Structures are given as C-alpha cells and as structure tokens.
C-alpha cells in the first residue's frame, strides 16, 4: 500500500505513515531487516517533508540496532540522520555537536568513519566558516569516496541554501 501511495503525487505523508505502520508489522513478525527498510523509507520521506526531528529519530533508531548483519550500515544511517539534522534551520550548533557526540559515543564504527568526518566538517562549514567554496570542495571529495544518492544530495542542497543565506546575511 505504501509503495502505491509513494508513486502518487501528494500522498507522500500517507505513504510515510504506511511505511511506519508496516515496520511495526514486520517487527511483530520478527523480520527486523524489512522493518528497518520501512523505517528508513519513512524517515527519508519525513525529511523531504521537512519533518526533520521525526526523521532524525528514525534514522538513529535504525543505526542503533545491534544486529550483526546491519551494524556496518550504521555510519550511513547516522549520516542520513545528520543530514536531516543539519537541514533543519532551527538546529543550533551546540545541539548538533551534542547529537554527533552522542552518536559517536554509542557507535564505535561511526566514531572512526569517513561519514563522521564529513558530518563534522559540514557542522563547521554551516555554523562557523559559511564558505561555499569549502562546502563544494568538501562535498566533491566525499562524493569521490562515497557516492551520494539523490536524497542525500537533496538534503545537502538544503544545507547549502541555508549556508548561502547565512553568508549573504553576514556580508555587508
């Protein structure tokens, strides 16, 4: 049902909720992999709809699963959570750094990952340097190592727009 709604324009909110409900059914059937896929789909849709807090919580939930098969995907899931977090214009620097530290403390794989370095630099660029040249360089080098998908590029575009807006407000 969620897949059908996803393909129809204007039903993204209902599709996200349907994926969320499907994840509870899969959890009840003890199929954590399918449940996580549904949660990730729902979280992606929430981010597109600018419901960032819900998306961050869902991405973090999937990343915190301690299933041996899925734990190595936690850096990518926390990258998605971080992009959702940074795309939220209400997010403050201290709050972002605090969430990142919490994720690093809970997940040693994320702590040593290139995704964490990328997010660290994005936080610095968004809140401190506000340099579009640095943003573009950083994005280019990360994309060379790890290909970014359309959803990630959409979130990065929103982060870039906020960085440009902040940069314009700061310039005389």
N, C-alpha and C. Protein backbone atom coordinates (compact mmCIF):
# COMPACT_ATOMS: atom_id res chain seq x y z
N UNK A 1 0.83 -1.19 0.00
CA UNK A 1 0.00 0.00 0.00
C UNK A 1 0.88 1.26 0.00
N UNK A 2 1.93 1.25 0.85
CA UNK A 2 2.82 2.41 0.95
C UNK A 2 3.52 2.67 -0.38
N UNK A 3 3.90 1.60 -1.06
CA UNK A 3 4.59 1.74 -2.34
C UNK A 3 3.68 2.38 -3.39
N UNK A 4 2.42 2.03 -3.37
CA UNK A 4 1.46 2.61 -4.31
C UNK A 4 1.30 4.10 -4.02
N UNK A 5 1.13 4.43 -2.73
CA UNK A 5 0.97 5.85 -2.35
C UNK A 5 2.22 6.65 -2.67
N UNK A 6 3.38 6.02 -2.53
CA UNK A 6 4.66 6.71 -2.78
C UNK A 6 4.74 7.19 -4.23
N UNK A 7 4.20 6.40 -5.14
CA UNK A 7 4.28 6.74 -6.56
C UNK A 7 3.28 7.82 -6.98
N UNK A 8 2.28 8.07 -6.14
CA UNK A 8 1.28 9.07 -6.48
C UNK A 8 1.61 10.42 -5.84
N UNK A 9 1.51 11.45 -6.62
CA UNK A 9 1.84 12.78 -6.14
C UNK A 9 0.85 13.24 -5.07
N UNK A 10 1.38 13.88 -4.04
CA UNK A 10 0.54 14.42 -2.99
C UNK A 10 0.21 13.45 -1.87
N UNK A 11 0.69 12.22 -1.98
CA UNK A 11 0.38 11.23 -0.95
C UNK A 11 1.62 10.81 -0.15
N UNK A 12 2.66 11.63 -0.19
CA UNK A 12 3.90 11.26 0.49
C UNK A 12 3.71 11.11 1.99
N UNK A 13 2.92 11.99 2.59
CA UNK A 13 2.68 11.92 4.03
C UNK A 13 2.00 10.60 4.40
N UNK A 14 0.98 10.24 3.63
CA UNK A 14 0.27 8.98 3.89
C UNK A 14 1.16 7.78 3.63
N UNK A 15 2.02 7.88 2.62
CA UNK A 15 2.94 6.79 2.31
C UNK A 15 3.95 6.61 3.45
N UNK A 16 4.47 7.71 3.98
CA UNK A 16 5.43 7.64 5.09
C UNK A 16 4.78 6.96 6.29
N UNK A 17 3.54 7.32 6.58
CA UNK A 17 2.83 6.69 7.70
C UNK A 17 2.58 5.21 7.43
N UNK A 18 2.27 4.86 6.19
CA UNK A 18 2.03 3.46 5.84
C UNK A 18 3.32 2.65 6.00
N UNK A 19 4.46 3.22 5.60
CA UNK A 19 5.74 2.53 5.81
C UNK A 19 6.02 2.36 7.31
N UNK A 20 5.69 3.38 8.06
CA UNK A 20 5.91 3.30 9.51
C UNK A 20 5.06 2.18 10.13
N UNK A 21 3.80 2.11 9.72
CA UNK A 21 2.92 1.04 10.22
C UNK A 21 3.42 -0.33 9.76
N UNK A 22 3.89 -0.41 8.52
CA UNK A 22 4.42 -1.68 8.00
C UNK A 22 5.62 -2.15 8.82
N UNK A 23 6.42 -1.20 9.26
CA UNK A 23 7.60 -1.58 10.06
C UNK A 23 7.19 -2.25 11.37
N UNK A 24 6.08 -1.80 11.96
CA UNK A 24 5.62 -2.44 13.21
C UNK A 24 5.12 -3.86 12.94
N UNK A 25 4.50 -4.07 11.78
CA UNK A 25 4.06 -5.42 11.42
C UNK A 25 5.26 -6.34 11.21
N UNK A 26 6.28 -5.82 10.52
CA UNK A 26 7.48 -6.63 10.29
C UNK A 26 8.20 -6.93 11.60
N UNK A 27 8.23 -5.96 12.52
CA UNK A 27 8.85 -6.21 13.83
C UNK A 27 8.09 -7.31 14.57
N UNK A 28 6.76 -7.26 14.50
CA UNK A 28 5.94 -8.28 15.16
C UNK A 28 6.19 -9.66 14.56
N UNK A 29 6.50 -9.69 13.26
CA UNK A 29 6.80 -10.95 12.59
C UNK A 29 8.27 -11.33 12.74
N UNK A 30 8.99 -10.57 13.52
CA UNK A 30 10.41 -10.81 13.80
C UNK A 30 11.28 -10.71 12.54
N UNK A 31 10.93 -9.80 11.64
CA UNK A 31 11.70 -9.56 10.42
C UNK A 31 12.31 -8.15 10.53
N UNK A 32 13.39 -8.05 11.28
CA UNK A 32 13.97 -6.74 11.56
C UNK A 32 14.54 -6.07 10.32
N UNK A 33 15.03 -6.85 9.37
CA UNK A 33 15.59 -6.26 8.16
C UNK A 33 14.52 -5.52 7.36
N UNK A 34 13.37 -6.14 7.15
CA UNK A 34 12.28 -5.48 6.43
C UNK A 34 11.73 -4.30 7.24
N UNK A 35 11.67 -4.46 8.55
CA UNK A 35 11.20 -3.37 9.40
C UNK A 35 12.11 -2.16 9.26
N UNK A 36 13.42 -2.40 9.24
CA UNK A 36 14.38 -1.30 9.09
C UNK A 36 14.27 -0.63 7.73
N UNK A 37 14.04 -1.41 6.69
CA UNK A 37 13.87 -0.85 5.35
C UNK A 37 12.67 0.09 5.34
N UNK A 38 11.58 -0.33 5.97
CA UNK A 38 10.37 0.51 6.02
C UNK A 38 10.61 1.77 6.85
N UNK A 39 11.32 1.63 7.96
CA UNK A 39 11.62 2.81 8.80
C UNK A 39 12.48 3.80 8.03
N UNK A 40 13.49 3.31 7.30
CA UNK A 40 14.36 4.19 6.53
C UNK A 40 13.61 4.91 5.42
N UNK A 41 12.69 4.19 4.77
CA UNK A 41 11.86 4.82 3.73
C UNK A 41 11.01 5.93 4.33
N UNK A 42 10.39 5.63 5.46
CA UNK A 42 9.55 6.60 6.14
C UNK A 42 10.37 7.82 6.58
N UNK A 43 11.55 7.58 7.15
CA UNK A 43 12.41 8.67 7.60
C UNK A 43 12.83 9.56 6.44
N UNK A 44 13.15 8.96 5.31
CA UNK A 44 13.53 9.74 4.12
C UNK A 44 12.38 10.65 3.68
N UNK A 45 11.18 10.11 3.71
CA UNK A 45 10.01 10.90 3.31
C UNK A 45 9.74 12.02 4.30
N UNK A 46 9.92 11.74 5.59
CA UNK A 46 9.73 12.79 6.59
C UNK A 46 10.73 13.93 6.37
N UNK A 47 11.96 13.60 6.02
CA UNK A 47 12.95 14.65 5.77
C UNK A 47 12.57 15.49 4.56
N UNK A 48 12.11 14.84 3.52
CA UNK A 48 11.69 15.58 2.32
C UNK A 48 10.56 16.54 2.67
N UNK A 49 9.69 16.12 3.60
CA UNK A 49 8.56 16.95 4.03
C UNK A 49 8.96 17.96 5.11
N UNK A 50 10.24 18.00 5.43
CA UNK A 50 10.79 18.91 6.44
C UNK A 50 10.30 18.60 7.85
N UNK A 51 10.04 17.34 8.11
CA UNK A 51 9.71 16.86 9.45
C UNK A 51 10.98 16.22 10.01
N UNK A 52 11.97 17.07 10.23
CA UNK A 52 13.33 16.62 10.50
C UNK A 52 13.48 15.88 11.83
N UNK A 53 12.84 16.34 12.88
CA UNK A 53 13.01 15.71 14.19
C UNK A 53 12.57 14.24 14.14
N UNK A 54 11.45 13.98 13.48
CA UNK A 54 10.98 12.60 13.36
C UNK A 54 11.95 11.77 12.53
N UNK A 55 12.46 12.36 11.45
CA UNK A 55 13.39 11.65 10.58
C UNK A 55 14.69 11.31 11.32
N UNK A 56 15.22 12.28 12.06
CA UNK A 56 16.46 12.04 12.81
C UNK A 56 16.26 10.90 13.81
N UNK A 57 15.15 10.91 14.51
CA UNK A 57 14.87 9.85 15.48
C UNK A 57 14.79 8.48 14.81
N UNK A 58 14.17 8.42 13.65
CA UNK A 58 14.01 7.14 12.95
C UNK A 58 15.35 6.63 12.40
N UNK A 59 16.13 7.53 11.79
CA UNK A 59 17.45 7.12 11.29
C UNK A 59 18.33 6.64 12.44
N UNK A 60 18.29 7.34 13.56
CA UNK A 60 19.08 6.96 14.74
C UNK A 60 18.64 5.62 15.29
N UNK A 61 17.33 5.39 15.28
CA UNK A 61 16.78 4.12 15.77
C UNK A 61 17.33 2.95 14.97
N UNK A 62 17.32 3.08 13.65
CA UNK A 62 17.83 2.00 12.80
C UNK A 62 19.34 1.83 13.00
N UNK A 63 20.05 2.94 13.13
CA UNK A 63 21.50 2.86 13.32
C UNK A 63 21.88 2.21 14.64
N UNK A 64 21.01 2.32 15.63
CA UNK A 64 21.34 1.77 16.95
C UNK A 64 21.03 0.28 17.07
N UNK A 65 20.44 -0.31 16.06
CA UNK A 65 20.19 -1.76 16.08
C UNK A 65 21.52 -2.49 16.15
N UNK A 66 21.58 -3.47 16.98
CA UNK A 66 22.83 -4.20 17.19
C UNK A 66 22.87 -5.53 16.45
N UNK A 67 22.10 -5.64 15.40
CA UNK A 67 22.12 -6.83 14.57
C UNK A 67 23.47 -6.88 13.85
N UNK A 68 24.17 -8.02 13.93
CA UNK A 68 25.50 -8.14 13.34
C UNK A 68 25.53 -7.86 11.84
N UNK A 69 24.48 -8.25 11.14
CA UNK A 69 24.46 -8.03 9.69
C UNK A 69 24.25 -6.57 9.32
N UNK A 70 23.57 -5.83 10.17
CA UNK A 70 23.20 -4.46 9.83
C UNK A 70 24.07 -3.39 10.50
N UNK A 71 24.92 -3.77 11.43
CA UNK A 71 25.65 -2.76 12.19
C UNK A 71 26.65 -1.98 11.35
N UNK A 72 27.14 -2.58 10.25
CA UNK A 72 28.10 -1.86 9.43
C UNK A 72 27.45 -0.82 8.53
N UNK A 73 26.13 -0.82 8.47
CA UNK A 73 25.43 0.24 7.73
C UNK A 73 25.08 1.41 8.65
N UNK A 74 25.41 1.30 9.93
CA UNK A 74 25.07 2.37 10.87
C UNK A 74 25.73 3.70 10.53
N UNK A 75 26.99 3.76 10.03
CA UNK A 75 27.53 5.06 9.66
C UNK A 75 26.71 5.77 8.58
N UNK A 76 26.22 5.00 7.62
CA UNK A 76 25.42 5.61 6.56
C UNK A 76 24.08 6.09 7.11
N UNK A 77 23.48 5.31 8.01
CA UNK A 77 22.20 5.72 8.62
C UNK A 77 22.39 6.96 9.49
N UNK A 78 23.51 7.03 10.20
CA UNK A 78 23.78 8.22 11.02
C UNK A 78 24.15 9.42 10.14
N UNK A 79 24.72 9.16 8.96
CA UNK A 79 24.94 10.25 8.01
C UNK A 79 23.59 10.82 7.59
N UNK A 80 22.63 9.97 7.32
CA UNK A 80 21.28 10.43 6.94
C UNK A 80 20.64 11.21 8.08
N UNK A 81 20.81 10.72 9.30
CA UNK A 81 20.28 11.44 10.46
C UNK A 81 20.94 12.81 10.57
N UNK A 82 22.23 12.85 10.33
CA UNK A 82 22.98 14.12 10.42
C UNK A 82 22.55 15.10 9.34
N UNK A 83 22.35 14.60 8.14
CA UNK A 83 21.91 15.49 7.06
C UNK A 83 20.52 16.05 7.36
N UNK A 84 19.64 15.21 7.90
CA UNK A 84 18.31 15.69 8.29
C UNK A 84 18.44 16.74 9.39
N UNK A 85 19.31 16.48 10.34
CA UNK A 85 19.52 17.40 11.46
C UNK A 85 20.05 18.75 10.95
N UNK A 86 21.03 18.72 10.04
CA UNK A 86 21.63 19.96 9.55
C UNK A 86 20.73 20.70 8.56
N UNK A 87 19.79 19.99 7.94
CA UNK A 87 18.86 20.65 7.02
C UNK A 87 17.79 21.44 7.77
N UNK A 88 17.64 21.15 9.05
CA UNK A 88 16.66 21.85 9.88
C UNK A 88 17.22 23.21 10.28
N UNK A 89 16.59 24.26 9.80
CA UNK A 89 17.11 25.61 10.08
C UNK A 89 17.00 26.00 11.55
N UNK A 90 16.19 25.26 12.32
CA UNK A 90 16.06 25.55 13.76
C UNK A 90 17.19 24.92 14.57
N UNK A 91 17.96 24.02 13.96
CA UNK A 91 19.02 23.32 14.67
C UNK A 91 20.17 24.28 14.99
N UNK A 92 20.57 24.31 16.25
CA UNK A 92 21.67 25.16 16.70
C UNK A 92 22.97 24.36 16.73
N UNK A 93 24.08 25.06 16.64
CA UNK A 93 25.39 24.42 16.58
C UNK A 93 25.64 23.51 17.79
N UNK A 94 25.37 23.99 19.00
CA UNK A 94 25.63 23.20 20.20
C UNK A 94 24.78 21.92 20.22
N UNK A 95 23.55 22.04 19.77
CA UNK A 95 22.66 20.90 19.71
C UNK A 95 23.17 19.86 18.70
N UNK A 96 23.62 20.35 17.55
CA UNK A 96 24.15 19.46 16.51
C UNK A 96 25.40 18.74 17.00
N UNK A 97 26.30 19.47 17.61
CA UNK A 97 27.54 18.87 18.12
C UNK A 97 27.23 17.85 19.22
N UNK A 98 26.25 18.17 20.06
CA UNK A 98 25.87 17.26 21.14
C UNK A 98 25.32 15.94 20.59
N UNK A 99 24.46 16.03 19.57
CA UNK A 99 23.90 14.82 18.96
C UNK A 99 25.01 13.99 18.32
N UNK A 100 25.93 14.66 17.63
CA UNK A 100 27.03 13.96 16.99
C UNK A 100 27.91 13.25 18.02
N UNK A 101 28.20 13.91 19.13
CA UNK A 101 29.00 13.28 20.19
C UNK A 101 28.28 12.07 20.78
N UNK A 102 26.97 12.19 20.95
CA UNK A 102 26.19 11.07 21.48
C UNK A 102 26.25 9.88 20.53
N UNK A 103 26.11 10.13 19.23
CA UNK A 103 26.18 9.04 18.26
C UNK A 103 27.57 8.41 18.25
N UNK A 104 28.61 9.23 18.36
CA UNK A 104 29.98 8.69 18.38
C UNK A 104 30.20 7.83 19.62
N UNK A 105 29.65 8.25 20.75
CA UNK A 105 29.78 7.50 21.99
C UNK A 105 29.06 6.16 21.90
N UNK A 106 27.90 6.14 21.28
CA UNK A 106 27.10 4.92 21.20
C UNK A 106 27.56 3.97 20.10
N UNK A 107 28.23 4.49 19.09
CA UNK A 107 28.58 3.66 17.93
C UNK A 107 30.06 3.82 17.56
N UNK A 108 30.91 2.88 17.99
CA UNK A 108 32.34 3.00 17.70
C UNK A 108 32.66 2.92 16.21
N UNK A 109 31.81 2.27 15.43
CA UNK A 109 32.05 2.21 13.98
C UNK A 109 31.86 3.60 13.38
N UNK A 110 30.83 4.30 13.81
CA UNK A 110 30.59 5.66 13.31
C UNK A 110 31.70 6.60 13.76
N UNK A 111 32.19 6.41 14.96
CA UNK A 111 33.22 7.29 15.51
C UNK A 111 34.46 7.36 14.61
N UNK A 112 34.81 6.24 13.98
CA UNK A 112 36.01 6.17 13.15
C UNK A 112 35.70 6.20 11.65
N UNK A 113 34.53 6.62 11.29
CA UNK A 113 34.13 6.54 9.88
C UNK A 113 34.34 7.84 9.12
N UNK A 114 34.40 7.71 7.80
CA UNK A 114 34.50 8.89 6.93
C UNK A 114 33.21 9.70 6.96
N UNK A 115 32.09 9.02 7.23
CA UNK A 115 30.81 9.73 7.34
C UNK A 115 30.84 10.71 8.52
N UNK A 116 31.42 10.28 9.64
CA UNK A 116 31.51 11.16 10.81
C UNK A 116 32.41 12.36 10.51
N UNK A 117 33.53 12.14 9.83
CA UNK A 117 34.41 13.25 9.45
C UNK A 117 33.68 14.22 8.53
N UNK A 118 32.91 13.68 7.60
CA UNK A 118 32.14 14.51 6.68
C UNK A 118 31.13 15.37 7.45
N UNK A 119 30.42 14.76 8.38
CA UNK A 119 29.42 15.49 9.17
C UNK A 119 30.10 16.54 10.05
N UNK A 120 31.21 16.18 10.66
CA UNK A 120 31.97 17.14 11.46
C UNK A 120 32.32 18.39 10.66
N UNK A 121 32.79 18.16 9.45
CA UNK A 121 33.16 19.29 8.58
C UNK A 121 31.93 20.07 8.13
N UNK A 122 30.83 19.38 7.87
CA UNK A 122 29.59 20.09 7.49
C UNK A 122 29.11 21.00 8.63
N UNK A 123 29.21 20.52 9.86
CA UNK A 123 28.81 21.34 11.00
C UNK A 123 29.69 22.58 11.08
N UNK A 124 31.00 22.38 10.91
CA UNK A 124 31.93 23.51 10.95
C UNK A 124 31.61 24.51 9.83
N UNK A 125 31.38 24.00 8.63
CA UNK A 125 31.09 24.89 7.50
C UNK A 125 29.76 25.61 7.69
N UNK A 126 28.73 24.90 8.12
CA UNK A 126 27.40 25.53 8.26
C UNK A 126 27.37 26.58 9.34
N UNK A 127 28.03 26.32 10.47
CA UNK A 127 27.90 27.23 11.61
C UNK A 127 29.07 28.18 11.79
N UNK A 128 30.24 27.88 11.24
CA UNK A 128 31.41 28.72 11.51
C UNK A 128 31.92 29.41 10.26
N UNK A 129 32.45 28.65 9.30
CA UNK A 129 33.12 29.29 8.16
C UNK A 129 32.13 29.83 7.13
N UNK A 130 31.02 29.14 6.93
CA UNK A 130 30.00 29.54 5.96
C UNK A 130 30.57 29.79 4.56
N UNK A 131 31.59 29.02 4.22
CA UNK A 131 32.28 29.18 2.94
C UNK A 131 31.69 28.22 1.91
N UNK A 132 31.13 28.76 0.84
CA UNK A 132 30.56 27.91 -0.21
C UNK A 132 31.66 27.17 -0.96
N UNK A 133 32.82 27.81 -1.10
CA UNK A 133 33.94 27.15 -1.78
C UNK A 133 34.37 25.92 -0.98
N UNK A 134 34.48 26.06 0.33
CA UNK A 134 34.86 24.94 1.20
C UNK A 134 33.78 23.86 1.19
N UNK A 135 32.52 24.28 1.18
CA UNK A 135 31.40 23.33 1.12
C UNK A 135 31.49 22.50 -0.15
N UNK A 136 31.70 23.17 -1.29
CA UNK A 136 31.77 22.48 -2.58
C UNK A 136 32.96 21.52 -2.64
N UNK A 137 34.11 21.96 -2.15
CA UNK A 137 35.29 21.09 -2.14
C UNK A 137 35.06 19.86 -1.27
N UNK A 138 34.53 20.10 -0.09
CA UNK A 138 34.28 19.01 0.85
C UNK A 138 33.29 17.99 0.26
N UNK A 139 32.26 18.49 -0.36
CA UNK A 139 31.26 17.64 -0.99
C UNK A 139 31.86 16.84 -2.14
N UNK A 140 32.69 17.49 -2.94
CA UNK A 140 33.34 16.82 -4.07
C UNK A 140 34.21 15.65 -3.59
N UNK A 141 35.02 15.90 -2.56
CA UNK A 141 35.93 14.86 -2.08
C UNK A 141 35.16 13.70 -1.43
N UNK A 142 34.11 14.00 -0.69
CA UNK A 142 33.33 12.91 -0.09
C UNK A 142 32.63 12.11 -1.17
N UNK A 143 32.07 12.78 -2.17
CA UNK A 143 31.36 12.09 -3.25
C UNK A 143 32.32 11.23 -4.05
N UNK A 144 33.58 11.61 -4.11
CA UNK A 144 34.58 10.79 -4.81
C UNK A 144 34.81 9.47 -4.06
N UNK A 145 34.74 9.52 -2.74
CA UNK A 145 34.97 8.31 -1.93
C UNK A 145 33.69 7.49 -1.76
N UNK A 146 32.58 8.15 -1.51
CA UNK A 146 31.29 7.50 -1.28
C UNK A 146 30.25 8.20 -2.14
N UNK A 147 29.71 7.51 -3.10
CA UNK A 147 28.71 8.15 -3.97
C UNK A 147 27.47 8.52 -3.16
N UNK A 148 27.04 9.76 -3.36
CA UNK A 148 25.85 10.27 -2.68
C UNK A 148 24.62 9.98 -3.54
N UNK A 149 23.53 9.60 -2.89
CA UNK A 149 22.30 9.33 -3.64
C UNK A 149 21.46 10.62 -3.75
N UNK A 150 20.35 10.52 -4.46
CA UNK A 150 19.51 11.69 -4.72
C UNK A 150 18.97 12.31 -3.43
N UNK A 151 18.53 11.48 -2.50
CA UNK A 151 18.00 12.01 -1.24
C UNK A 151 19.08 12.78 -0.49
N UNK A 152 20.29 12.21 -0.41
CA UNK A 152 21.39 12.89 0.29
C UNK A 152 21.74 14.21 -0.39
N UNK A 153 21.73 14.22 -1.71
CA UNK A 153 22.01 15.46 -2.45
C UNK A 153 20.92 16.50 -2.21
N UNK A 154 19.67 16.05 -2.07
CA UNK A 154 18.57 16.97 -1.77
C UNK A 154 18.79 17.63 -0.41
N UNK A 155 19.14 16.83 0.59
CA UNK A 155 19.40 17.38 1.93
C UNK A 155 20.62 18.31 1.91
N UNK A 156 21.66 17.92 1.19
CA UNK A 156 22.85 18.77 1.08
C UNK A 156 22.52 20.09 0.37
N UNK A 157 21.61 20.03 -0.60
CA UNK A 157 21.16 21.26 -1.26
C UNK A 157 20.47 22.20 -0.29
N UNK A 158 19.68 21.64 0.61
CA UNK A 158 19.00 22.47 1.63
C UNK A 158 20.02 23.06 2.60
N UNK A 159 21.01 22.26 2.97
CA UNK A 159 22.07 22.77 3.86
C UNK A 159 22.84 23.88 3.16
N UNK A 160 23.14 23.69 1.89
CA UNK A 160 23.85 24.71 1.11
C UNK A 160 23.03 26.00 1.04
N UNK A 161 21.75 25.88 0.80
CA UNK A 161 20.89 27.07 0.72
C UNK A 161 20.91 27.85 2.03
N UNK A 162 20.90 27.15 3.15
CA UNK A 162 20.96 27.84 4.45
C UNK A 162 22.32 28.48 4.67
N UNK A 163 23.37 27.79 4.22
CA UNK A 163 24.72 28.33 4.37
C UNK A 163 24.87 29.58 3.52
N UNK A 164 24.35 29.55 2.30
CA UNK A 164 24.39 30.73 1.42
C UNK A 164 23.57 31.85 2.03
N UNK A 165 22.38 31.55 2.55
CA UNK A 165 21.52 32.57 3.16
C UNK A 165 22.23 33.21 4.35
N UNK A 166 22.88 32.39 5.18
CA UNK A 166 23.61 32.92 6.33
C UNK A 166 24.80 33.74 5.87
N UNK A 167 25.47 33.30 4.80
CA UNK A 167 26.63 34.00 4.28
C UNK A 167 26.21 35.36 3.74
N UNK A 168 25.07 35.45 3.05
CA UNK A 168 24.57 36.70 2.50
C UNK A 168 24.18 37.66 3.64
N UNK A 169 23.57 37.12 4.71
CA UNK A 169 23.16 37.96 5.82
C UNK A 169 24.37 38.53 6.55
N UNK A 170 25.48 37.79 6.59
CA UNK A 170 26.66 38.26 7.28
C UNK A 170 27.47 39.26 6.48
N UNK A 171 27.39 39.23 5.15
CA UNK A 171 28.16 40.14 4.32
C UNK A 171 27.54 41.55 4.35
N UNK A 172 28.43 42.55 4.26
CA UNK A 172 27.91 43.93 4.23
C UNK A 172 27.26 44.28 2.92
